Amino acid sequence: MPKKAISTETRAKIKGYLEGFIENVVRDYKGRPIPALDSPSAYLAKSSPRGQLKPFHAAIIPPELMRVSAFERGFSTALGTTFEECARLIALEHHADAQRGHALVGEVSLAALGEIESQVAASEEAATRGEHPPPLAQMIQRVLDARRDDDLERRGTRADLYVLSRSGVRLFFEMKSPQPNKGQCLEVTQRILRIHLLLGQARPTVQAYYAMAYNPYGPTRAEYRWSFGRMYMPFADAVLIGHEFWDIIGGPTAYAELLDIYQEVGREKGKYMLDTLAFGF
């Protein structure tokens, strides 16, 4: 039997973290008032600084169910932050170091920064024309070649997750939605190039990626259909989807093992969520 990617100790840490995450989100939504419709005229006279007024929803849906619906939407957004912490905990088992919110700061050439903007613009133009963007390795090398030593300025950037492999390779991950918009895609390309510039190194010593914790279209890369992700990022070279990311973090069974932990926590906390938010509705 192959060795598990997630040890018993790390599994307990992830499970405890997810339980705390659920309790915090539930506590937040439990305390949020859901405006009830006692009469149409009274409801329409109300104000809501948080923009929670929905007269037609309130008229036809019980307030308890409205609270559950609002929770689901907010929970789905907040859940994305859990992927970073789970990845960090798993990576610590398999790599030399792992950190969230890792900052990089240093002196960089303004000419090279200008070259980053030129490369991102060229990538965008190619995508708009329906052509393949320049290879990432070429983009990185042109940025590094543009450096000068008489125009230095202190600049920085931050990676959602940083992993130092046991072989000394530095890995940087932007962990965002698997369906990014065009602006986010271009920003990721810029950030990847900035990381290489700040460290003054190309691949494979430094590797920066856009990591999607799951693939909403199916198990394979070929099934990924989000056009912005495919067109406006170095998709083949710097985008990791689902198991591709978790394989790097913890090995070939890490993805399934982690999903099993999420399922276990969901089973154990499901009744608590419903009872707390819907008051037994």
Protein backbone atom coordinates (compact mmCIF):
# COMPACT_ATOMS: atom_id res chain seq x y z
CA MET A 1 0.00 0.00 0.00
CA PRO A 2 1.50 3.39 -0.98
CA LYS A 3 2.35 5.80 1.80
CA LYS A 4 -0.36 8.36 2.48
CA ALA A 5 0.32 11.94 1.45
CA ILE A 6 -1.30 13.33 4.60
CA SER A 7 -0.15 11.95 7.93
CA THR A 8 -2.47 11.37 10.86
CA GLU A 9 -1.02 14.42 12.61
CA THR A 10 -1.47 16.71 9.60
CA ARG A 11 -4.95 15.33 8.99
CA ALA A 12 -5.89 16.31 12.54
CA LYS A 13 -4.49 19.83 12.00
CA ILE A 14 -6.41 20.28 8.74
CA LYS A 15 -9.59 18.94 10.28
CA GLY A 16 -9.30 21.25 13.28
CA TYR A 17 -8.60 24.20 11.01
CA LEU A 18 -11.66 23.47 8.85
CA GLU A 19 -13.89 23.01 11.89
CA GLY A 20 -12.78 26.38 13.23
CA PHE A 21 -13.31 27.95 9.81
CA ILE A 22 -16.90 26.66 9.66
CA GLU A 23 -17.68 27.80 13.20
CA ASN A 24 -16.34 31.30 12.51
CA VAL A 25 -18.34 31.71 9.30
CA VAL A 26 -21.50 30.33 10.90
CA ARG A 27 -21.06 32.66 13.87
CA ASP A 28 -20.74 35.61 11.52
CA TYR A 29 -23.87 34.77 9.54
CA LYS A 30 -25.88 33.79 12.62
CA GLY A 31 -25.50 37.35 13.92
CA ARG A 32 -26.54 39.02 10.68
CA PRO A 33 -30.12 40.29 10.71
CA ILE A 34 -32.24 39.18 7.79
CA PRO A 35 -34.90 41.87 7.19
CA ALA A 36 -38.32 40.22 7.36
CA LEU A 37 -41.34 41.50 5.48
CA ASP A 38 -44.07 42.26 8.00
CA SER A 39 -45.91 44.45 5.52
CA PRO A 40 -44.85 45.67 2.07
CA SER A 41 -44.96 49.37 2.98
CA ALA A 42 -42.94 48.89 6.19
CA TYR A 43 -40.28 46.83 4.39
CA LEU A 44 -39.95 49.31 1.55
CA ALA A 45 -39.25 52.07 4.10
CA LYS A 46 -36.26 50.21 5.56
CA SER A 47 -32.59 50.99 4.92
CA SER A 48 -29.66 48.54 4.89
CA PRO A 49 -26.05 49.84 4.95
CA ARG A 50 -24.88 46.37 3.91
CA GLY A 51 -27.23 46.22 0.95
CA GLN A 52 -29.29 43.30 2.21
CA LEU A 53 -32.74 44.45 1.20
CA LYS A 54 -34.47 42.07 -1.21
CA PRO A 55 -38.18 42.85 -1.10
CA PHE A 56 -39.38 40.11 -3.42
CA HIS A 57 -37.17 37.48 -1.79
CA ALA A 58 -38.31 38.55 1.67
CA ALA A 59 -41.95 38.41 0.58
CA ILE A 60 -41.86 34.81 -0.57
CA ILE A 61 -38.94 33.07 1.23
CA PRO A 62 -38.87 32.41 5.00
CA PRO A 63 -36.15 34.49 6.76
CA GLU A 64 -34.47 31.32 8.07
CA LEU A 65 -34.05 30.00 4.54
CA MET A 66 -32.79 33.41 3.38
CA ARG A 67 -30.08 33.20 6.03
CA VAL A 68 -29.02 29.76 4.79
CA SER A 69 -28.95 31.04 1.20
CA ALA A 70 -26.82 34.07 2.14
CA PHE A 71 -24.51 31.78 4.12
CA GLU A 72 -24.02 29.46 1.15
CA ARG A 73 -22.99 32.31 -1.15
CA GLY A 74 -20.59 33.82 1.36
CA PHE A 75 -19.26 30.44 2.43
CA SER A 76 -18.41 29.49 -1.15
CA THR A 77 -16.32 32.64 -1.50
CA ALA A 78 -14.59 32.26 1.87
CA LEU A 79 -13.87 28.57 1.29
CA GLY A 80 -11.20 29.50 -1.24
CA THR A 81 -8.97 30.79 1.55
CA THR A 82 -8.92 27.33 3.16
CA PHE A 83 -7.08 25.84 0.20
CA GLU A 84 -3.99 27.93 0.97
CA GLU A 85 -3.77 26.79 4.58
CA CYS A 86 -4.42 23.15 3.74
CA ALA A 87 -1.75 23.30 1.03
CA ARG A 88 0.70 24.84 3.50
CA LEU A 89 0.11 22.12 6.08
CA ILE A 90 0.50 19.35 3.52
CA ALA A 91 3.59 20.95 1.95
CA LEU A 92 5.34 21.09 5.32
CA GLU A 93 5.33 17.28 5.31
CA HIS A 94 6.93 17.00 1.90
CA HIS A 95 9.09 20.10 1.48
CA ALA A 96 11.67 22.12 3.39
CA ASP A 97 9.38 25.06 4.08
CA ALA A 98 5.94 26.46 3.24
CA GLN A 99 4.49 29.91 3.98
CA ARG A 100 1.32 31.82 3.18
CA GLY A 101 1.35 35.46 2.15
CA HIS A 102 5.06 35.34 1.36
CA ALA A 103 6.49 38.79 0.60
CA LEU A 104 9.37 39.47 -1.78
CA VAL A 105 11.08 42.87 -1.65
CA GLY A 106 14.22 44.08 -3.37
CA GLU A 107 15.99 46.53 -5.63
CA VAL A 108 14.91 46.11 -9.24
CA SER A 109 15.64 47.88 -12.50
CA LEU A 110 12.96 50.25 -13.77
CA ALA A 111 13.88 49.25 -17.30
CA ALA A 112 13.13 45.63 -16.46
CA LEU A 113 9.83 46.63 -14.89
CA GLY A 114 8.99 48.40 -18.12
CA GLU A 115 9.85 45.23 -20.01
CA ILE A 116 7.37 43.33 -17.82
CA GLU A 117 4.63 45.70 -18.92
CA SER A 118 5.69 45.25 -22.55
CA GLN A 119 5.61 41.46 -22.23
CA VAL A 120 2.18 41.47 -20.60
CA ALA A 121 0.87 43.80 -23.31
CA ALA A 122 2.33 41.56 -26.03
CA SER A 123 0.70 38.55 -24.41
CA GLU A 124 -2.65 40.32 -24.30
CA GLU A 125 -2.40 41.43 -27.91
CA ALA A 126 -1.55 37.91 -29.06
CA ALA A 127 -4.55 36.49 -27.19
CA THR A 128 -6.84 39.15 -28.66
CA ARG A 129 -5.69 38.13 -32.14
CA GLY A 130 -6.35 34.47 -31.33
CA GLU A 131 -2.65 33.63 -31.32
CA HIS A 132 -0.57 31.85 -28.71
CA PRO A 133 1.18 34.18 -26.23
CA PRO A 134 4.99 34.18 -26.11
CA PRO A 135 6.50 31.22 -24.22
CA LEU A 136 6.93 32.00 -20.54
CA ALA A 137 10.64 31.17 -20.61
CA GLN A 138 11.14 33.75 -23.36
CA MET A 139 9.19 36.39 -21.45
CA ILE A 140 11.23 35.79 -18.29
CA GLN A 141 14.54 35.95 -20.14
CA ARG A 142 13.66 39.21 -21.87
CA VAL A 143 12.78 40.76 -18.52
CA LEU A 144 16.04 39.60 -16.98
CA ASP A 145 18.01 40.79 -20.01
CA ALA A 146 16.44 44.25 -19.71
CA ARG A 147 17.97 44.87 -16.26
CA ARG A 148 20.27 47.83 -15.70
CA ASP A 149 22.24 48.84 -12.63
CA ASP A 150 21.73 52.61 -12.81
CA ASP A 151 17.93 52.78 -12.41
CA LEU A 152 17.23 50.69 -9.35
CA GLU A 153 14.17 51.13 -7.16
CA ARG A 154 12.83 49.19 -4.21
CA ARG A 155 9.76 47.18 -5.18
CA GLY A 156 7.95 44.12 -3.93
CA THR A 157 5.24 41.57 -4.49
CA ARG A 158 3.50 38.85 -2.52
CA ALA A 159 2.64 35.22 -3.25
CA ASP A 160 -0.36 33.45 -1.75
CA LEU A 161 1.79 30.38 -1.07
CA TYR A 162 5.54 29.86 -1.07
CA VAL A 163 7.12 26.41 -0.96
CA LEU A 164 10.84 25.64 -0.72
CA SER A 165 11.49 22.14 -2.00
CA ARG A 166 14.06 19.89 -0.38
CA SER A 167 16.17 20.21 -3.52
CA GLY A 168 16.26 24.00 -3.15
CA VAL A 169 13.71 24.94 -5.83
CA ARG A 170 11.59 27.93 -4.84
CA LEU A 171 7.93 27.57 -5.78
CA PHE A 172 5.43 30.44 -5.73
CA PHE A 173 1.68 30.02 -6.16
CA GLU A 174 -1.14 32.46 -6.78
CA MET A 175 -4.24 30.60 -5.56
CA LYS A 176 -7.38 32.14 -6.92
CA SER A 177 -10.64 31.22 -8.66
CA PRO A 178 -10.58 28.59 -11.41
CA GLN A 179 -12.59 31.08 -13.46
CA PRO A 180 -10.57 34.33 -13.33
CA ASN A 181 -11.51 37.39 -15.32
CA LYS A 182 -9.25 38.93 -17.94
CA GLY A 183 -7.77 41.52 -15.57
CA GLN A 184 -6.84 38.87 -13.01
CA CYS A 185 -5.15 36.79 -15.69
CA LEU A 186 -3.00 39.67 -16.87
CA GLU A 187 -2.15 40.59 -13.27
CA VAL A 188 -1.00 37.03 -12.59
CA THR A 189 1.30 37.10 -15.62
CA GLN A 190 2.75 40.37 -14.37
CA ARG A 191 3.26 38.98 -10.87
CA ILE A 192 4.97 35.85 -12.15
CA LEU A 193 7.44 37.97 -14.12
CA ARG A 194 7.99 40.23 -11.09
CA ILE A 195 8.90 37.25 -8.92
CA HIS A 196 11.57 36.18 -11.39
CA LEU A 197 12.87 39.74 -11.63
CA LEU A 198 13.04 40.22 -7.86
CA LEU A 199 14.96 36.97 -7.45
CA GLY A 200 17.03 37.48 -10.60
CA GLN A 201 16.56 33.88 -11.68
CA ALA A 202 14.73 31.95 -14.38
CA ARG A 203 13.26 28.49 -14.28
CA PRO A 204 13.76 25.84 -13.02
CA THR A 205 15.44 27.30 -9.90
CA VAL A 206 12.45 29.60 -9.40
CA GLN A 207 8.99 28.49 -10.49
CA ALA A 208 5.88 30.66 -10.21
CA TYR A 209 2.37 29.42 -10.98
CA TYR A 210 -1.32 30.24 -11.00
CA ALA A 211 -2.81 27.36 -9.02
CA MET A 212 -6.45 26.30 -9.21
CA ALA A 213 -7.40 24.04 -6.32
CA TYR A 214 -9.90 22.18 -8.50
CA ASN A 215 -11.11 21.94 -12.07
CA PRO A 216 -14.81 22.86 -12.37
CA TYR A 217 -15.00 21.17 -15.78
CA GLY A 218 -13.71 17.67 -15.06
CA PRO A 219 -10.64 15.63 -14.11
CA THR A 220 -8.31 16.55 -16.99
CA ARG A 221 -6.58 19.71 -18.20
CA ALA A 222 -8.07 19.17 -21.66
CA GLU A 223 -11.57 19.58 -20.20
CA TYR A 224 -10.84 23.04 -18.75
CA ARG A 225 -12.94 25.42 -20.82
CA TRP A 226 -12.64 28.87 -19.21
CA SER A 227 -11.53 31.05 -22.12
CA PHE A 228 -9.89 33.85 -20.10
CA GLY A 229 -7.72 31.34 -18.23
CA ARG A 230 -6.64 29.63 -21.43
CA MET A 231 -6.06 32.81 -23.46
CA TYR A 232 -4.70 35.49 -21.14
CA MET A 233 -2.19 33.57 -19.01
CA PRO A 234 0.79 31.41 -19.93
CA PHE A 235 -1.61 28.48 -19.69
CA ALA A 236 0.70 25.66 -20.75
CA ASP A 237 3.67 26.83 -18.66
CA ALA A 238 2.34 28.42 -15.49
CA VAL A 239 -1.23 27.24 -14.79
CA LEU A 240 -1.79 24.26 -12.50
CA ILE A 241 -5.28 22.79 -12.34
CA GLY A 242 -6.63 20.51 -9.63
CA HIS A 243 -4.51 17.42 -9.14
CA GLU A 244 -1.53 19.02 -10.94
CA PHE A 245 -1.21 21.46 -8.04
CA TRP A 246 -1.87 18.98 -5.24
CA ASP A 247 0.59 16.50 -6.80
CA ILE A 248 3.36 19.08 -6.41
CA ILE A 249 2.28 19.91 -2.86
CA GLY A 250 1.92 16.40 -1.49
CA GLY A 251 2.06 13.68 -4.12
CA PRO A 252 -0.43 11.78 -6.30
CA THR A 253 -2.88 10.89 -3.51
CA ALA A 254 -2.93 14.29 -1.77
CA TYR A 255 -5.95 15.65 -3.66
CA ALA A 256 -8.25 12.71 -2.90
CA GLU A 257 -7.06 12.51 0.71
CA LEU A 258 -7.73 16.20 1.27
CA LEU A 259 -11.19 15.96 -0.26
CA ASP A 260 -11.91 13.08 2.10
CA ILE A 261 -11.08 15.34 5.06
CA TYR A 262 -13.42 18.05 3.76
CA GLN A 263 -16.16 15.43 3.41
CA GLU A 264 -15.61 14.14 6.93
CA VAL A 265 -15.80 17.64 8.40
CA GLY A 266 -18.95 18.31 6.33
CA ARG A 267 -20.64 15.21 7.67
CA GLU A 268 -19.76 16.05 11.25
CA LYS A 269 -20.62 19.76 11.10
CA GLY A 270 -23.59 19.64 8.72
CA LYS A 271 -26.31 19.41 11.39
CA TYR A 272 -24.62 22.15 13.41
CA MET A 273 -24.67 24.49 10.39
CA LEU A 274 -28.32 23.84 9.62
CA ASP A 275 -29.53 24.05 13.21
CA THR A 276 -27.57 27.22 13.95
CA LEU A 277 -28.49 29.10 10.80
CA ALA A 278 -32.04 27.89 10.18
CA PHE A 279 -33.03 27.37 13.81
CA GLY A 280 -34.41 23.94 13.03
CA PHE A 281 -36.32 25.13 9.94
